[in-house]
């Protein structure tokens, strides 16, 4: 599981300084979580976030990628590193409102699902 975090860090950390990516990463956003709460780029806690773009209601994705993320979050917690798993939907028609709640909670209690309003 540790290589997963390492790969994500290698992809994300350059965004905090000089980036070699051909596009800008980051910026303001406003999305709605699985409980109807509004979320922005301003994070209420200081936890790192492990972000995945996918679908909470797509069984194949949910059973593979999201479960790996959840396992990695638990490994980080054992090491004293708090990480919040976040899934931003790429399937707006399937992941509307609280339709993400049960699938994400089944994977990990800390999972945050985000979608457009």
C-alpha atoms as a PDB file:
ATOM      1  CA  UNK A   1       0.000   0.000   0.000  1.00  0.00           C
ATOM      2  CA  UNK A   2       2.845   2.407   0.663  1.00  0.00           C
ATOM      3  CA  UNK A   3       3.690   2.705  -3.060  1.00  0.00           C
ATOM      4  CA  UNK A   4       0.161   4.046  -3.685  1.00  0.00           C
ATOM      5  CA  UNK A   5       0.740   7.023  -1.388  1.00  0.00           C
ATOM      6  CA  UNK A   6       4.213   7.504  -2.821  1.00  0.00           C
ATOM      7  CA  UNK A   7       2.815   7.652  -6.360  1.00  0.00           C
ATOM      8  CA  UNK A   8       0.144  10.141  -5.340  1.00  0.00           C
ATOM      9  CA  UNK A   9       2.685  12.305  -3.513  1.00  0.00           C
ATOM     10  CA  UNK A  10       4.977  12.318  -6.532  1.00  0.00           C
ATOM     11  CA  UNK A  11       2.079  13.498  -8.673  1.00  0.00           C
ATOM     12  CA  UNK A  12       0.693  16.088  -6.253  1.00  0.00           C
ATOM     13  CA  UNK A  13       3.628  17.570  -4.358  1.00  0.00           C
ATOM     14  CA  UNK A  14       5.092  19.424  -7.347  1.00  0.00           C
ATOM     15  CA  UNK A  15       1.879  21.471  -7.415  1.00  0.00           C
ATOM     16  CA  UNK A  16       2.976  23.137  -4.173  1.00  0.00           C
ATOM     17  CA  UNK A  17       6.050  24.623  -5.773  1.00  0.00           C
ATOM     18  CA  UNK A  18       7.413  24.800  -9.280  1.00  0.00           C
ATOM     19  CA  UNK A  19       5.447  22.287 -11.331  1.00  0.00           C
ATOM     20  CA  UNK A  20       6.713  20.434 -14.360  1.00  0.00           C
ATOM     21  CA  UNK A  21       3.157  19.475 -15.346  1.00  0.00           C
ATOM     22  CA  UNK A  22       1.852  20.924 -18.611  1.00  0.00           C
ATOM     23  CA  UNK A  23      -1.325  22.125 -16.838  1.00  0.00           C
ATOM     24  CA  UNK A  24      -2.044  23.955 -13.605  1.00  0.00           C
ATOM     25  CA  UNK A  25      -3.200  21.730 -10.752  1.00  0.00           C
ATOM     26  CA  UNK A  26      -5.508  22.955  -8.037  1.00  0.00           C
ATOM     27  CA  UNK A  27      -7.673  26.005  -7.745  1.00  0.00           C
ATOM     28  CA  UNK A  28     -11.020  26.942  -6.278  1.00  0.00           C
ATOM     29  CA  UNK A  29     -14.022  24.634  -6.448  1.00  0.00           C
ATOM     30  CA  UNK A  30     -17.425  24.186  -4.846  1.00  0.00           C
ATOM     31  CA  UNK A  31     -18.884  20.674  -4.704  1.00  0.00           C
ATOM     32  CA  UNK A  32     -21.571  18.908  -2.669  1.00  0.00           C
ATOM     33  CA  UNK A  33     -20.727  15.938  -0.440  1.00  0.00           C
ATOM     34  CA  UNK A  34     -22.769  12.765   0.010  1.00  0.00           C
ATOM     35  CA  UNK A  35     -24.657  14.337   2.932  1.00  0.00           C
ATOM     36  CA  UNK A  36     -25.640  17.492   1.051  1.00  0.00           C
ATOM     37  CA  UNK A  37     -22.938  19.671   2.621  1.00  0.00           C
ATOM     38  CA  UNK A  38     -21.068  22.198   0.508  1.00  0.00           C
ATOM     39  CA  UNK A  39     -17.321  21.599   0.236  1.00  0.00           C
ATOM     40  CA  UNK A  40     -14.693  23.912  -1.199  1.00  0.00           C
ATOM     41  CA  UNK A  41     -10.938  23.739  -1.695  1.00  0.00           C
ATOM     42  CA  UNK A  42     -10.606  25.029   1.884  1.00  0.00           C
ATOM     43  CA  UNK A  43     -10.319  21.907   4.051  1.00  0.00           C
ATOM     44  CA  UNK A  44     -11.763  22.099   7.559  1.00  0.00           C
ATOM     45  CA  UNK A  45      -9.111  19.775   8.986  1.00  0.00           C
ATOM     46  CA  UNK A  46      -5.444  19.567   8.159  1.00  0.00           C
ATOM     47  CA  UNK A  47      -5.533  15.936   7.036  1.00  0.00           C
ATOM     48  CA  UNK A  48      -3.916  14.981   3.799  1.00  0.00           C
ATOM     49  CA  UNK A  49      -6.420  13.860   1.186  1.00  0.00           C
ATOM     50  CA  UNK A  50      -6.199  10.844  -1.080  1.00  0.00           C
ATOM     51  CA  UNK A  51      -8.370  11.804  -4.067  1.00  0.00           C
ATOM     52  CA  UNK A  52      -9.894   9.540  -6.697  1.00  0.00           C
ATOM     53  CA  UNK A  53     -12.045  10.524  -9.673  1.00  0.00           C
ATOM     54  CA  UNK A  54     -14.536   7.746 -10.342  1.00  0.00           C
ATOM     55  CA  UNK A  55     -17.978   6.419  -9.493  1.00  0.00           C
ATOM     56  CA  UNK A  56     -19.273   5.309  -6.089  1.00  0.00           C
ATOM     57  CA  UNK A  57     -22.076   3.320  -7.704  1.00  0.00           C
ATOM     58  CA  UNK A  58     -19.949   1.452 -10.253  1.00  0.00           C
ATOM     59  CA  UNK A  59     -19.363  -1.931  -8.652  1.00  0.00           C
ATOM     60  CA  UNK A  60     -16.105  -2.766 -10.460  1.00  0.00           C
ATOM     61  CA  UNK A  61     -14.465   0.537  -9.548  1.00  0.00           C
ATOM     62  CA  UNK A  62     -15.833   0.509  -6.021  1.00  0.00           C
ATOM     63  CA  UNK A  63     -14.625  -3.009  -5.342  1.00  0.00           C
ATOM     64  CA  UNK A  64     -11.104  -2.375  -6.611  1.00  0.00           C
ATOM     65  CA  UNK A  65      -9.727   1.158  -6.495  1.00  0.00           C
ATOM     66  CA  UNK A  66     -11.751   2.538  -3.601  1.00  0.00           C
ATOM     67  CA  UNK A  67     -11.029  -0.468  -1.402  1.00  0.00           C
ATOM     68  CA  UNK A  68      -7.296  -0.044  -2.059  1.00  0.00           C
ATOM     69  CA  UNK A  69      -7.596   3.585  -1.023  1.00  0.00           C
ATOM     70  CA  UNK A  70      -9.398   2.606   2.180  1.00  0.00           C
ATOM     71  CA  UNK A  71      -6.699   0.079   3.044  1.00  0.00           C
ATOM     72  CA  UNK A  72      -4.014   2.677   2.458  1.00  0.00           C
ATOM     73  CA  UNK A  73      -5.831   5.201   4.676  1.00  0.00           C
ATOM     74  CA  UNK A  74      -5.869   2.619   7.483  1.00  0.00           C
ATOM     75  CA  UNK A  75      -2.152   1.867   7.042  1.00  0.00           C
ATOM     76  CA  UNK A  76      -1.371   5.598   7.233  1.00  0.00           C
ATOM     77  CA  UNK A  77      -3.484   5.859  10.417  1.00  0.00           C
ATOM     78  CA  UNK A  78      -1.421   3.064  11.999  1.00  0.00           C
ATOM     79  CA  UNK A  79       1.660   5.175  11.200  1.00  0.00           C
ATOM     80  CA  UNK A  80       0.046   8.226  12.850  1.00  0.00           C
ATOM     81  CA  UNK A  81      -0.767   9.977   9.559  1.00  0.00           C
ATOM     82  CA  UNK A  82      -4.370  11.087   9.143  1.00  0.00           C
ATOM     83  CA  UNK A  83      -5.541  10.858   5.543  1.00  0.00           C
ATOM     84  CA  UNK A  84      -9.077  11.512   4.322  1.00  0.00           C
ATOM     85  CA  UNK A  85     -10.196   9.397   1.361  1.00  0.00           C
ATOM     86  CA  UNK A  86     -12.108  11.509  -1.182  1.00  0.00           C
ATOM     87  CA  UNK A  87     -13.970  10.303  -4.265  1.00  0.00           C
ATOM     88  CA  UNK A  88     -15.008  12.958  -6.797  1.00  0.00           C
ATOM     89  CA  UNK A  89     -17.615  11.492  -9.082  1.00  0.00           C
ATOM     90  CA  UNK A  90     -17.034  11.188 -12.787  1.00  0.00           C
ATOM     91  CA  UNK A  91     -20.573   9.809 -13.161  1.00  0.00           C
ATOM     92  CA  UNK A  92     -22.831  12.638 -12.089  1.00  0.00           C
ATOM     93  CA  UNK A  93     -25.940  10.786 -13.302  1.00  0.00           C
ATOM     94  CA  UNK A  94     -25.232   7.845 -10.946  1.00  0.00           C
ATOM     95  CA  UNK A  95     -23.792   9.624  -7.917  1.00  0.00           C
ATOM     96  CA  UNK A  96     -26.412  12.264  -7.176  1.00  0.00           C
ATOM     97  CA  UNK A  97     -26.865  13.472  -3.603  1.00  0.00           C
ATOM     98  CA  UNK A  98     -26.958  10.785  -0.972  1.00  0.00           C
ATOM     99  CA  UNK A  99     -26.753   7.971  -3.555  1.00  0.00           C
ATOM    100  CA  UNK A 100     -23.038   7.901  -2.672  1.00  0.00           C
ATOM    101  CA  UNK A 101     -23.536   7.580   1.092  1.00  0.00           C
ATOM    102  CA  UNK A 102     -24.114   3.855   1.473  1.00  0.00           C
ATOM    103  CA  UNK A 103     -21.536   2.644  -1.086  1.00  0.00           C
ATOM    104  CA  UNK A 104     -18.786   4.869   0.325  1.00  0.00           C
ATOM    105  CA  UNK A 105     -19.625   4.133   3.974  1.00  0.00           C
ATOM    106  CA  UNK A 106     -19.473   0.424   3.124  1.00  0.00           C
ATOM    107  CA  UNK A 107     -15.862   0.900   2.024  1.00  0.00           C
ATOM    108  CA  UNK A 108     -14.592   3.238   4.755  1.00  0.00           C
ATOM    109  CA  UNK A 109     -16.395   5.360   7.367  1.00  0.00           C
ATOM    110  CA  UNK A 110     -14.233   8.412   6.583  1.00  0.00           C
ATOM    111  CA  UNK A 111     -14.843   8.406   2.824  1.00  0.00           C
ATOM    112  CA  UNK A 112     -16.050  11.723   1.421  1.00  0.00           C
ATOM    113  CA  UNK A 113     -17.953  11.667  -1.858  1.00  0.00           C
ATOM    114  CA  UNK A 114     -18.130  14.866  -3.899  1.00  0.00           C
ATOM    115  CA  UNK A 115     -20.290  15.845  -6.877  1.00  0.00           C
ATOM    116  CA  UNK A 116     -21.413  18.963  -8.698  1.00  0.00           C
ATOM    117  CA  UNK A 117     -24.494  20.675  -7.328  1.00  0.00           C
END
